[in-house]
Amino acid sequence: MSFDYKLLTGAHVKAARGLISWTQDDLERESTVSKRSINNIEKEISITDRLKRDIVEAFEREGIEFLNSDAPGVRLHKKNTQE
């Protein structure tokens, strides 16, 4: 994980979910982070760094790359199907 998960924002989460067509329920299942916490971060309400890390890891397993330079955002890489 090269992205500093502490910088995760609600916009990152919404964009990542949109790229892979995940609902909050899907993210809850794949990250084990409660839907309430997911809803909180998407509303820019603070959640713990551990929960942010769990969210980032769930998305990265699906090929999402988080960007946080001069143009923060997310992009999708094809998953390695040979894993």
PDB file of N, CA and C in Angstrom:
ATOM      1  N   MET A   1       0.852  -1.169   0.000  1.00  0.00           N
ATOM      2  CA  MET A   1       0.000   0.000   0.000  1.00  0.00           C
ATOM      3  C   MET A   1       0.897   1.230   0.000  1.00  0.00           C
ATOM      4  N   SER A   2       0.871   1.980  -1.101  1.00  0.00           N
ATOM      5  CA  SER A   2       1.699   3.166  -1.176  1.00  0.00           C
ATOM      6  C   SER A   2       0.915   4.432  -0.812  1.00  0.00           C
ATOM      7  N   PHE A   3      -0.401   4.382  -0.890  1.00  0.00           N
ATOM      8  CA  PHE A   3      -1.233   5.525  -0.532  1.00  0.00           C
ATOM      9  C   PHE A   3      -1.271   5.658   0.986  1.00  0.00           C
ATOM     10  N   ASP A   4      -1.106   6.867   1.482  1.00  0.00           N
ATOM     11  CA  ASP A   4      -1.208   7.104   2.925  1.00  0.00           C
ATOM     12  C   ASP A   4      -2.682   7.107   3.303  1.00  0.00           C
ATOM     13  N   TYR A   5      -3.150   5.987   3.811  1.00  0.00           N
ATOM     14  CA  TYR A   5      -4.577   5.816   4.107  1.00  0.00           C
ATOM     15  C   TYR A   5      -5.118   6.882   5.055  1.00  0.00           C
ATOM     16  N   LYS A   6      -4.260   7.535   5.806  1.00  0.00           N
ATOM     17  CA  LYS A   6      -4.718   8.590   6.714  1.00  0.00           C
ATOM     18  C   LYS A   6      -5.280   9.782   5.942  1.00  0.00           C
ATOM     19  N   LEU A   7      -4.956   9.881   4.650  1.00  0.00           N
ATOM     20  CA  LEU A   7      -5.425  10.978   3.804  1.00  0.00           C
ATOM     21  C   LEU A   7      -6.743  10.653   3.099  1.00  0.00           C
ATOM     22  N   LEU A   8      -7.296   9.478   3.361  1.00  0.00           N
ATOM     23  CA  LEU A   8      -8.533   9.052   2.714  1.00  0.00           C
ATOM     24  C   LEU A   8      -9.669  10.019   3.031  1.00  0.00           C
ATOM     25  N   THR A   9     -10.406  10.398   1.988  1.00  0.00           N
ATOM     26  CA  THR A   9     -11.541  11.301   2.150  1.00  0.00           C
ATOM     27  C   THR A   9     -12.828  10.625   1.692  1.00  0.00           C
ATOM     28  N   GLY A  10     -13.924  11.257   2.016  1.00  0.00           N
ATOM     29  CA  GLY A  10     -15.214  10.760   1.554  1.00  0.00           C
ATOM     30  C   GLY A  10     -15.298  10.755   0.038  1.00  0.00           C
ATOM     31  N   ALA A  11     -14.705  11.760  -0.593  1.00  0.00           N
ATOM     32  CA  ALA A  11     -14.707  11.817  -2.058  1.00  0.00           C
ATOM     33  C   ALA A  11     -13.958  10.630  -2.657  1.00  0.00           C
ATOM     34  N   HIS A  12     -12.835  10.245  -2.046  1.00  0.00           N
ATOM     35  CA  HIS A  12     -12.106   9.057  -2.503  1.00  0.00           C
ATOM     36  C   HIS A  12     -13.023   7.829  -2.445  1.00  0.00           C
ATOM     37  N   VAL A  13     -13.698   7.661  -1.315  1.00  0.00           N
ATOM     38  CA  VAL A  13     -14.523   6.464  -1.106  1.00  0.00           C
ATOM     39  C   VAL A  13     -15.675   6.423  -2.109  1.00  0.00           C
ATOM     40  N   LYS A  14     -16.357   7.536  -2.278  1.00  0.00           N
ATOM     41  CA  LYS A  14     -17.477   7.580  -3.233  1.00  0.00           C
ATOM     42  C   LYS A  14     -16.999   7.300  -4.648  1.00  0.00           C
ATOM     43  N   ALA A  15     -15.874   7.905  -5.040  1.00  0.00           N
ATOM     44  CA  ALA A  15     -15.352   7.705  -6.388  1.00  0.00           C
ATOM     45  C   ALA A  15     -14.928   6.254  -6.607  1.00  0.00           C
ATOM     46  N   ALA A  16     -14.261   5.679  -5.620  1.00  0.00           N
ATOM     47  CA  ALA A  16     -13.811   4.288  -5.741  1.00  0.00           C
ATOM     48  C   ALA A  16     -15.007   3.348  -5.846  1.00  0.00           C
ATOM     49  N   ARG A  17     -16.023   3.595  -5.018  1.00  0.00           N
ATOM     50  CA  ARG A  17     -17.220   2.750  -5.097  1.00  0.00           C
ATOM     51  C   ARG A  17     -17.847   2.855  -6.477  1.00  0.00           C
ATOM     52  N   GLY A  18     -17.884   4.075  -7.012  1.00  0.00           N
ATOM     53  CA  GLY A  18     -18.468   4.278  -8.330  1.00  0.00           C
ATOM     54  C   GLY A  18     -17.719   3.550  -9.435  1.00  0.00           C
ATOM     55  N   LEU A  19     -16.398   3.533  -9.345  1.00  0.00           N
ATOM     56  CA  LEU A  19     -15.593   2.873 -10.381  1.00  0.00           C
ATOM     57  C   LEU A  19     -15.858   1.379 -10.472  1.00  0.00           C
ATOM     58  N   ILE A  20     -16.155   0.759  -9.339  1.00  0.00           N
ATOM     59  CA  ILE A  20     -16.368  -0.692  -9.366  1.00  0.00           C
ATOM     60  C   ILE A  20     -17.821  -1.066  -9.052  1.00  0.00           C
ATOM     61  N   SER A  21     -18.684  -0.063  -9.097  1.00  0.00           N
ATOM     62  CA  SER A  21     -20.133  -0.269  -8.913  1.00  0.00           C
ATOM     63  C   SER A  21     -20.469  -0.946  -7.595  1.00  0.00           C
ATOM     64  N   TRP A  22     -19.800  -0.541  -6.536  1.00  0.00           N
ATOM     65  CA  TRP A  22     -20.073  -1.077  -5.200  1.00  0.00           C
ATOM     66  C   TRP A  22     -21.045  -0.171  -4.467  1.00  0.00           C
ATOM     67  N   THR A  23     -21.948  -0.790  -3.739  1.00  0.00           N
ATOM     68  CA  THR A  23     -22.796  -0.064  -2.803  1.00  0.00           C
ATOM     69  C   THR A  23     -22.051   0.036  -1.475  1.00  0.00           C
ATOM     70  N   GLN A  24     -22.611   0.781  -0.543  1.00  0.00           N
ATOM     71  CA  GLN A  24     -22.025   0.806   0.797  1.00  0.00           C
ATOM     72  C   GLN A  24     -22.087  -0.587   1.415  1.00  0.00           C
ATOM     73  N   ASP A  25     -23.126  -1.344   1.101  1.00  0.00           N
ATOM     74  CA  ASP A  25     -23.235  -2.720   1.612  1.00  0.00           C
ATOM     75  C   ASP A  25     -22.090  -3.585   1.083  1.00  0.00           C
ATOM     76  N   ASP A  26     -21.752  -3.422  -0.195  1.00  0.00           N
ATOM     77  CA  ASP A  26     -20.636  -4.188  -0.770  1.00  0.00           C
ATOM     78  C   ASP A  26     -19.334  -3.847  -0.050  1.00  0.00           C
ATOM     79  N   LEU A  27     -19.093  -2.552   0.167  1.00  0.00           N
ATOM     80  CA  LEU A  27     -17.874  -2.137   0.844  1.00  0.00           C
ATOM     81  C   LEU A  27     -17.849  -2.645   2.278  1.00  0.00           C
ATOM     82  N   GLU A  28     -18.979  -2.622   2.936  1.00  0.00           N
ATOM     83  CA  GLU A  28     -19.044  -3.144   4.301  1.00  0.00           C
ATOM     84  C   GLU A  28     -18.633  -4.621   4.331  1.00  0.00           C
ATOM     85  N   ARG A  29     -19.165  -5.387   3.400  1.00  0.00           N
ATOM     86  CA  ARG A  29     -18.863  -6.823   3.337  1.00  0.00           C
ATOM     87  C   ARG A  29     -17.382  -7.075   3.035  1.00  0.00           C
ATOM     88  N   GLU A  30     -16.829  -6.328   2.101  1.00  0.00           N
ATOM     89  CA  GLU A  30     -15.455  -6.573   1.664  1.00  0.00           C
ATOM     90  C   GLU A  30     -14.398  -5.992   2.593  1.00  0.00           C
ATOM     91  N   SER A  31     -14.772  -4.995   3.391  1.00  0.00           N
ATOM     92  CA  SER A  31     -13.782  -4.347   4.265  1.00  0.00           C
ATOM     93  C   SER A  31     -14.000  -4.662   5.739  1.00  0.00           C
ATOM     94  N   THR A  32     -15.149  -5.204   6.083  1.00  0.00           N
ATOM     95  CA  THR A  32     -15.588  -5.436   7.472  1.00  0.00           C
ATOM     96  C   THR A  32     -15.702  -4.142   8.270  1.00  0.00           C
ATOM     97  N   VAL A  33     -15.794  -3.007   7.568  1.00  0.00           N
ATOM     98  CA  VAL A  33     -16.054  -1.711   8.199  1.00  0.00           C
ATOM     99  C   VAL A  33     -17.565  -1.510   8.162  1.00  0.00           C
ATOM    100  N   SER A  34     -18.141  -1.083   9.263  1.00  0.00           N
ATOM    101  CA  SER A  34     -19.598  -0.943   9.329  1.00  0.00           C
ATOM    102  C   SER A  34     -20.105   0.089   8.325  1.00  0.00           C
ATOM    103  N   LYS A  35     -21.333  -0.132   7.884  1.00  0.00           N
ATOM    104  CA  LYS A  35     -21.958   0.791   6.953  1.00  0.00           C
ATOM    105  C   LYS A  35     -22.059   2.188   7.585  1.00  0.00           C
ATOM    106  N   ARG A  36     -22.280   2.239   8.874  1.00  0.00           N
ATOM    107  CA  ARG A  36     -22.349   3.527   9.570  1.00  0.00           C
ATOM    108  C   ARG A  36     -21.023   4.286   9.430  1.00  0.00           C
ATOM    109  N   SER A  37     -19.899   3.588   9.610  1.00  0.00           N
ATOM    110  CA  SER A  37     -18.591   4.237   9.466  1.00  0.00           C
ATOM    111  C   SER A  37     -18.342   4.658   8.026  1.00  0.00           C
ATOM    112  N   ILE A  38     -18.766   3.836   7.081  1.00  0.00           N
ATOM    113  CA  ILE A  38     -18.621   4.182   5.663  1.00  0.00           C
ATOM    114  C   ILE A  38     -19.432   5.440   5.367  1.00  0.00           C
ATOM    115  N   ASN A  39     -20.650   5.466   5.862  1.00  0.00           N
ATOM    116  CA  ASN A  39     -21.504   6.641   5.675  1.00  0.00           C
ATOM    117  C   ASN A  39     -20.859   7.872   6.312  1.00  0.00           C
ATOM    118  N   ASN A  40     -20.265   7.700   7.488  1.00  0.00           N
ATOM    119  CA  ASN A  40     -19.612   8.823   8.165  1.00  0.00           C
ATOM    120  C   ASN A  40     -18.475   9.401   7.331  1.00  0.00           C
ATOM    121  N   ILE A  41     -17.581   8.531   6.832  1.00  0.00           N
ATOM    122  CA  ILE A  41     -16.457   9.082   6.062  1.00  0.00           C
ATOM    123  C   ILE A  41     -16.946   9.736   4.781  1.00  0.00           C
ATOM    124  N   GLU A  42     -17.980   9.176   4.167  1.00  0.00           N
ATOM    125  CA  GLU A  42     -18.495   9.788   2.945  1.00  0.00           C
ATOM    126  C   GLU A  42     -19.111  11.157   3.230  1.00  0.00           C
ATOM    127  N   LYS A  43     -19.565  11.381   4.445  1.00  0.00           N
ATOM    128  CA  LYS A  43     -20.100  12.683   4.848  1.00  0.00           C
ATOM    129  C   LYS A  43     -19.011  13.563   5.466  1.00  0.00           C
ATOM    130  N   GLU A  44     -17.758  13.115   5.342  1.00  0.00           N
ATOM    131  CA  GLU A  44     -16.586  13.828   5.875  1.00  0.00           C
ATOM    132  C   GLU A  44     -16.604  13.912   7.401  1.00  0.00           C
ATOM    133  N   ILE A  45     -17.221  12.921   8.040  1.00  0.00           N
ATOM    134  CA  ILE A  45     -17.155  12.775   9.490  1.00  0.00           C
ATOM    135  C   ILE A  45     -16.005  11.828   9.773  1.00  0.00           C
ATOM    136  N   SER A  46     -15.154  12.182  10.675  1.00  0.00           N
ATOM    137  CA  SER A  46     -13.926  11.438  10.938  1.00  0.00           C
ATOM    138  C   SER A  46     -14.194   9.998  11.385  1.00  0.00           C
ATOM    139  N   ILE A  47     -13.366   9.084  10.885  1.00  0.00           N
ATOM    140  CA  ILE A  47     -13.346   7.708  11.374  1.00  0.00           C
ATOM    141  C   ILE A  47     -11.897   7.379  11.723  1.00  0.00           C
ATOM    142  N   THR A  48     -11.687   6.266  12.403  1.00  0.00           N
ATOM    143  CA  THR A  48     -10.341   5.920  12.856  1.00  0.00           C
ATOM    144  C   THR A  48      -9.427   5.569  11.676  1.00  0.00           C
ATOM    145  N   ASP A  49      -8.145   5.742  11.903  1.00  0.00           N
ATOM    146  CA  ASP A  49      -7.159   5.388  10.878  1.00  0.00           C
ATOM    147  C   ASP A  49      -7.222   3.904  10.543  1.00  0.00           C
ATOM    148  N   ARG A  50      -7.490   3.059  11.525  1.00  0.00           N
ATOM    149  CA  ARG A  50      -7.580   1.617  11.266  1.00  0.00           C
ATOM    150  C   ARG A  50      -8.704   1.323  10.278  1.00  0.00           C
ATOM    151  N   LEU A  51      -9.843   1.986  10.442  1.00  0.00           N
ATOM    152  CA  LEU A  51     -10.956   1.767   9.522  1.00  0.00           C
ATOM    153  C   LEU A  51     -10.637   2.307   8.137  1.00  0.00           C
ATOM    154  N   LYS A  52      -9.952   3.439   8.076  1.00  0.00           N
ATOM    155  CA  LYS A  52      -9.519   3.966   6.777  1.00  0.00           C
ATOM    156  C   LYS A  52      -8.608   2.966   6.079  1.00  0.00           C
ATOM    157  N   ARG A  53      -7.675   2.395   6.823  1.00  0.00           N
ATOM    158  CA  ARG A  53      -6.760   1.403   6.244  1.00  0.00           C
ATOM    159  C   ARG A  53      -7.540   0.207   5.707  1.00  0.00           C
ATOM    160  N   ASP A  54      -8.513  -0.266   6.464  1.00  0.00           N
ATOM    161  CA  ASP A  54      -9.303  -1.415   6.024  1.00  0.00           C
ATOM    162  C   ASP A  54     -10.074  -1.111   4.742  1.00  0.00           C
ATOM    163  N   ILE A  55     -10.581   0.096   4.631  1.00  0.00           N
ATOM    164  CA  ILE A  55     -11.304   0.500   3.422  1.00  0.00           C
ATOM    165  C   ILE A  55     -10.349   0.552   2.232  1.00  0.00           C
ATOM    166  N   VAL A  56      -9.205   1.192   2.415  1.00  0.00           N
ATOM    167  CA  VAL A  56      -8.221   1.290   1.330  1.00  0.00           C
ATOM    168  C   VAL A  56      -7.795  -0.102   0.873  1.00  0.00           C
ATOM    169  N   GLU A  57      -7.510  -0.987   1.809  1.00  0.00           N
ATOM    170  CA  GLU A  57      -7.074  -2.339   1.450  1.00  0.00           C
ATOM    171  C   GLU A  57      -8.150  -3.086   0.669  1.00  0.00           C
ATOM    172  N   ALA A  58      -9.409  -2.940   1.049  1.00  0.00           N
ATOM    173  CA  ALA A  58     -10.494  -3.606   0.325  1.00  0.00           C
ATOM    174  C   ALA A  58     -10.557  -3.113  -1.120  1.00  0.00           C
ATOM    175  N   PHE A  59     -10.454  -1.812  -1.305  1.00  0.00           N
ATOM    176  CA  PHE A  59     -10.485  -1.267  -2.661  1.00  0.00           C
ATOM    177  C   PHE A  59      -9.251  -1.670  -3.459  1.00  0.00           C
ATOM    178  N   GLU A  60      -8.092  -1.660  -2.839  1.00  0.00           N
ATOM    179  CA  GLU A  60      -6.871  -2.030  -3.558  1.00  0.00           C
ATOM    180  C   GLU A  60      -6.925  -3.480  -4.030  1.00  0.00           C
ATOM    181  N   ARG A  61      -7.562  -4.345  -3.268  1.00  0.00           N
ATOM    182  CA  ARG A  61      -7.730  -5.742  -3.714  1.00  0.00           C
ATOM    183  C   ARG A  61      -8.554  -5.824  -4.992  1.00  0.00           C
ATOM    184  N   GLU A  62      -9.371  -4.806  -5.242  1.00  0.00           N
ATOM    185  CA  GLU A  62     -10.217  -4.776  -6.433  1.00  0.00           C
ATOM    186  C   GLU A  62      -9.600  -3.982  -7.577  1.00  0.00           C
ATOM    187  N   GLY A  63      -8.361  -3.504  -7.388  1.00  0.00           N
ATOM    188  CA  GLY A  63      -7.662  -2.813  -8.456  1.00  0.00           C
ATOM    189  C   GLY A  63      -7.749  -1.297  -8.407  1.00  0.00           C
ATOM    190  N   ILE A  64      -8.281  -0.758  -7.315  1.00  0.00           N
ATOM    191  CA  ILE A  64      -8.366   0.695  -7.174  1.00  0.00           C
ATOM    192  C   ILE A  64      -7.021   1.239  -6.712  1.00  0.00           C
ATOM    193  N   GLU A  65      -6.578   2.313  -7.349  1.00  0.00           N
ATOM    194  CA  GLU A  65      -5.372   3.021  -6.925  1.00  0.00           C
ATOM    195  C   GLU A  65      -5.794   4.412  -6.465  1.00  0.00           C
ATOM    196  N   PHE A  66      -5.353   4.791  -5.292  1.00  0.00           N
ATOM    197  CA  PHE A  66      -5.668   6.105  -4.740  1.00  0.00           C
ATOM    198  C   PHE A  66      -4.557   7.077  -5.095  1.00  0.00           C
ATOM    199  N   LEU A  67      -4.952   8.285  -5.480  1.00  0.00           N
ATOM    200  CA  LEU A  67      -4.011   9.331  -5.862  1.00  0.00           C
ATOM    201  C   LEU A  67      -4.186  10.495  -4.895  1.00  0.00           C
ATOM    202  N   ASN A  68      -3.093  11.078  -4.492  1.00  0.00           N
ATOM    203  CA  ASN A  68      -3.196  12.214  -3.587  1.00  0.00           C
ATOM    204  C   ASN A  68      -2.005  13.130  -3.775  1.00  0.00           C
ATOM    205  N   SER A  69      -1.854  13.577  -5.000  1.00  0.00           N
ATOM    206  CA  SER A  69      -0.769  14.528  -5.267  1.00  0.00           C
ATOM    207  C   SER A  69      -1.412  15.881  -5.554  1.00  0.00           C
ATOM    208  N   ASP A  70      -1.045  16.487  -6.678  1.00  0.00           N
ATOM    209  CA  ASP A  70      -1.668  17.757  -7.023  1.00  0.00           C
ATOM    210  C   ASP A  70      -3.079  17.568  -7.582  1.00  0.00           C
ATOM    211  N   ALA A  71      -3.465  16.312  -7.861  1.00  0.00           N
ATOM    212  CA  ALA A  71      -4.800  16.011  -8.373  1.00  0.00           C
ATOM    213  C   ALA A  71      -5.338  14.767  -7.656  1.00  0.00           C
ATOM    214  N   PRO A  72      -5.818  14.924  -6.433  1.00  0.00           N
ATOM    215  CA  PRO A  72      -6.299  13.770  -5.675  1.00  0.00           C
ATOM    216  C   PRO A  72      -7.438  13.060  -6.398  1.00  0.00           C
ATOM    217  N   GLY A  73      -7.468  11.755  -6.279  1.00  0.00           N
ATOM    218  CA  GLY A  73      -8.537  10.983  -6.905  1.00  0.00           C
ATOM    219  C   GLY A  73      -8.278   9.497  -6.809  1.00  0.00           C
ATOM    220  N   VAL A  74      -8.956   8.761  -7.682  1.00  0.00           N
ATOM    221  CA  VAL A  74      -8.803   7.308  -7.743  1.00  0.00           C
ATOM    222  C   VAL A  74      -8.794   6.889  -9.205  1.00  0.00           C
ATOM    223  N   ARG A  75      -8.202   5.751  -9.464  1.00  0.00           N
ATOM    224  CA  ARG A  75      -8.286   5.154 -10.792  1.00  0.00           C
ATOM    225  C   ARG A  75      -8.316   3.647 -10.637  1.00  0.00           C
ATOM    226  N   LEU A  76      -8.802   3.005 -11.675  1.00  0.00           N
ATOM    227  CA  LEU A  76      -8.980   1.555 -11.646  1.00  0.00           C
ATOM    228  C   LEU A  76      -7.953   0.894 -12.541  1.00  0.00           C
ATOM    229  N   HIS A  77      -7.265  -0.088 -11.976  1.00  0.00           N
ATOM    230  CA  HIS A  77      -6.359  -0.946 -12.741  1.00  0.00           C
ATOM    231  C   HIS A  77      -7.015  -2.304 -12.822  1.00  0.00           C
ATOM    232  N   LYS A  78      -6.803  -2.976 -13.934  1.00  0.00           N
ATOM    233  CA  LYS A  78      -7.340  -4.330 -14.041  1.00  0.00           C
ATOM    234  C   LYS A  78      -6.743  -5.210 -12.970  1.00  0.00           C
ATOM    235  N   LYS A  79      -7.595  -6.037 -12.384  1.00  0.00           N
ATOM    236  CA  LYS A  79      -7.087  -6.988 -11.389  1.00  0.00           C
ATOM    237  C   LYS A  79      -6.248  -8.042 -12.078  1.00  0.00           C
ATOM    238  N   ASN A  80      -5.242  -8.519 -11.388  1.00  0.00           N
ATOM    239  CA  ASN A  80      -4.432  -9.611 -11.896  1.00  0.00           C
ATOM    240  C   ASN A  80      -5.229 -10.892 -11.738  1.00  0.00           C
ATOM    241  N   THR A  81      -5.681 -11.459 -12.846  1.00  0.00           N
ATOM    242  CA  THR A  81      -6.532 -12.648 -12.796  1.00  0.00           C
ATOM    243  C   THR A  81      -5.728 -13.918 -12.534  1.00  0.00           C
ATOM    244  N   GLN A  82      -4.401 -13.810 -12.447  1.00  0.00           N
ATOM    245  CA  GLN A  82      -3.580 -14.991 -12.208  1.00  0.00           C
ATOM    246  C   GLN A  82      -3.257 -15.170 -10.736  1.00  0.00           C
ATOM    247  N   GLU A  83      -3.859 -14.406  -9.852  1.00  0.00           N
ATOM    248  CA  GLU A  83      -3.575 -14.510  -8.425  1.00  0.00           C
ATOM    249  C   GLU A  83      -4.172 -15.773  -7.854  1.00  0.00           C
TER     250      GLU A  83
END
